[in-house]
């Protein structure tokens, strides 16, 4: 498995490796900003889990948090930062490279060899 540096493995982003963080970043990459409850429902996690996830991504600089009110009700919105968008793109490229390498490896081992167990045609 080689990455862009030829001979180095693709680098997955530690902050985006967890499925909930990846799902959240992917969702936010498709919109400008999303409200906390929408993100919670999309990721199918508890308020506590989403709060911890957003905090971790905010500390990494991947997500910006905005708090405000909708009427008299407090609300929290999240948006993927430029740093987060770039990190997500690199992470997805690394996943693609891993998948492509696996497909190439599987294709080479799936070809029958010209051996007594697998005579050629």
Protein backbone atom coordinates (compact mmCIF):
# COMPACT_ATOMS: atom_id res chain seq x y z
CA UNK A 1 0.00 0.00 0.00
CA UNK A 2 1.60 3.24 -1.04
CA UNK A 3 0.47 6.79 -0.69
CA UNK A 4 1.44 9.88 -2.59
CA UNK A 5 4.99 9.62 -1.23
CA UNK A 6 5.52 6.23 -2.97
CA UNK A 7 6.27 3.66 -0.33
CA UNK A 8 4.49 5.40 2.54
CA UNK A 9 1.13 4.12 3.70
CA UNK A 10 -1.86 6.45 3.32
CA UNK A 11 -2.35 8.58 6.40
CA UNK A 12 -5.77 8.45 8.02
CA UNK A 13 -6.70 11.45 10.14
CA UNK A 14 -6.87 10.45 13.80
CA UNK A 15 -9.54 13.07 14.48
CA UNK A 16 -11.79 11.75 11.71
CA UNK A 17 -11.11 8.04 12.07
CA UNK A 18 -14.02 7.41 14.46
CA UNK A 19 -17.24 6.68 12.52
CA UNK A 20 -19.32 9.35 14.31
CA UNK A 21 -16.71 12.04 13.70
CA UNK A 22 -16.40 11.02 10.06
CA UNK A 23 -20.18 11.01 9.56
CA UNK A 24 -20.47 14.41 11.21
CA UNK A 25 -17.69 15.94 9.09
CA UNK A 26 -19.13 14.44 5.92
CA UNK A 27 -22.59 15.80 6.71
CA UNK A 28 -21.23 19.25 7.51
CA UNK A 29 -19.16 19.25 4.30
CA UNK A 30 -22.40 19.21 2.33
CA UNK A 31 -23.97 22.19 4.10
CA UNK A 32 -22.85 25.54 5.40
CA UNK A 33 -24.06 25.01 8.93
CA UNK A 34 -26.32 22.59 10.81
CA UNK A 35 -28.23 22.80 14.07
CA UNK A 36 -27.27 20.51 16.96
CA UNK A 37 -30.53 18.50 16.94
CA UNK A 38 -30.24 17.84 13.20
CA UNK A 39 -26.69 16.55 13.65
CA UNK A 40 -27.70 14.44 16.65
CA UNK A 41 -30.52 12.83 14.72
CA UNK A 42 -28.40 12.27 11.63
CA UNK A 43 -25.58 10.62 13.60
CA UNK A 44 -28.09 8.74 15.80
CA UNK A 45 -26.23 9.56 18.99
CA UNK A 46 -27.13 11.06 22.36
CA UNK A 47 -26.80 14.76 23.13
CA UNK A 48 -23.80 13.97 25.32
CA UNK A 49 -22.03 11.97 22.62
CA UNK A 50 -22.61 14.65 19.99
CA UNK A 51 -21.45 17.36 22.38
CA UNK A 52 -18.21 15.48 23.07
CA UNK A 53 -17.71 14.80 19.36
CA UNK A 54 -18.22 18.45 18.43
CA UNK A 55 -15.88 19.55 21.21
CA UNK A 56 -13.13 17.20 19.99
CA UNK A 57 -13.51 18.40 16.40
CA UNK A 58 -13.58 22.02 17.54
CA UNK A 59 -10.35 21.53 19.52
CA UNK A 60 -8.76 20.10 16.35
CA UNK A 61 -9.88 23.20 14.46
CA UNK A 62 -12.16 21.17 12.18
CA UNK A 63 -15.50 22.55 13.37
CA UNK A 64 -16.72 25.97 14.33
CA UNK A 65 -19.49 26.26 16.92
CA UNK A 66 -22.00 29.10 17.05
CA UNK A 67 -24.48 29.56 19.86
CA UNK A 68 -27.56 31.72 19.70
CA UNK A 69 -31.28 31.79 20.12
CA UNK A 70 -34.19 30.83 17.93
CA UNK A 71 -36.93 32.84 19.53
CA UNK A 72 -36.36 32.34 23.23
CA UNK A 73 -34.81 28.90 22.86
CA UNK A 74 -31.02 28.50 22.95
CA UNK A 75 -29.56 26.75 19.93
CA UNK A 76 -26.15 25.50 18.85
CA UNK A 77 -24.98 25.36 15.25
CA UNK A 78 -21.86 23.73 13.84
CA UNK A 79 -19.98 24.27 10.60
CA UNK A 80 -16.95 22.58 9.08
CA UNK A 81 -13.98 24.94 8.91
CA UNK A 82 -11.62 25.20 5.95
CA UNK A 83 -9.11 23.18 7.98
CA UNK A 84 -11.81 20.56 8.57
CA UNK A 85 -12.72 20.43 4.89
CA UNK A 86 -9.09 19.90 3.93
CA UNK A 87 -8.62 17.23 6.61
CA UNK A 88 -11.76 15.43 5.43
CA UNK A 89 -10.56 15.52 1.82
CA UNK A 90 -7.16 14.05 2.83
CA UNK A 91 -8.83 11.40 5.00
CA UNK A 92 -11.20 10.36 2.20
CA UNK A 93 -8.30 10.25 -0.27
CA UNK A 94 -6.40 7.95 2.12
CA UNK A 95 -9.44 5.68 2.43
CA UNK A 96 -9.73 5.59 -1.37
CA UNK A 97 -6.06 4.67 -1.68
CA UNK A 98 -6.48 1.85 0.85
CA UNK A 99 -9.52 0.55 -1.06
CA UNK A 100 -7.75 0.83 -4.43
CA UNK A 101 -4.71 -1.01 -3.12
CA UNK A 102 -6.93 -3.77 -1.75
CA UNK A 103 -8.75 -4.06 -5.10
CA UNK A 104 -5.44 -4.32 -6.96
CA UNK A 105 -4.17 -6.95 -4.54
CA UNK A 106 -7.39 -8.94 -4.80
CA UNK A 107 -7.29 -8.79 -8.60
CA UNK A 108 -3.77 -10.21 -8.73
CA UNK A 109 -4.50 -13.07 -6.36
CA UNK A 110 -7.79 -13.88 -8.12
CA UNK A 111 -6.02 -14.65 -11.41
CA UNK A 112 -5.37 -18.41 -11.70
CA UNK A 113 -1.75 -19.34 -12.13
CA UNK A 114 -0.49 -21.77 -14.72
CA UNK A 115 0.32 -24.55 -12.23
CA UNK A 116 -0.63 -28.23 -12.05
CA UNK A 117 -3.38 -27.23 -9.58
CA UNK A 118 -4.54 -24.45 -11.91
CA UNK A 119 -3.63 -25.44 -15.47
CA UNK A 120 -3.72 -22.62 -18.01
CA UNK A 121 -6.02 -22.64 -20.99
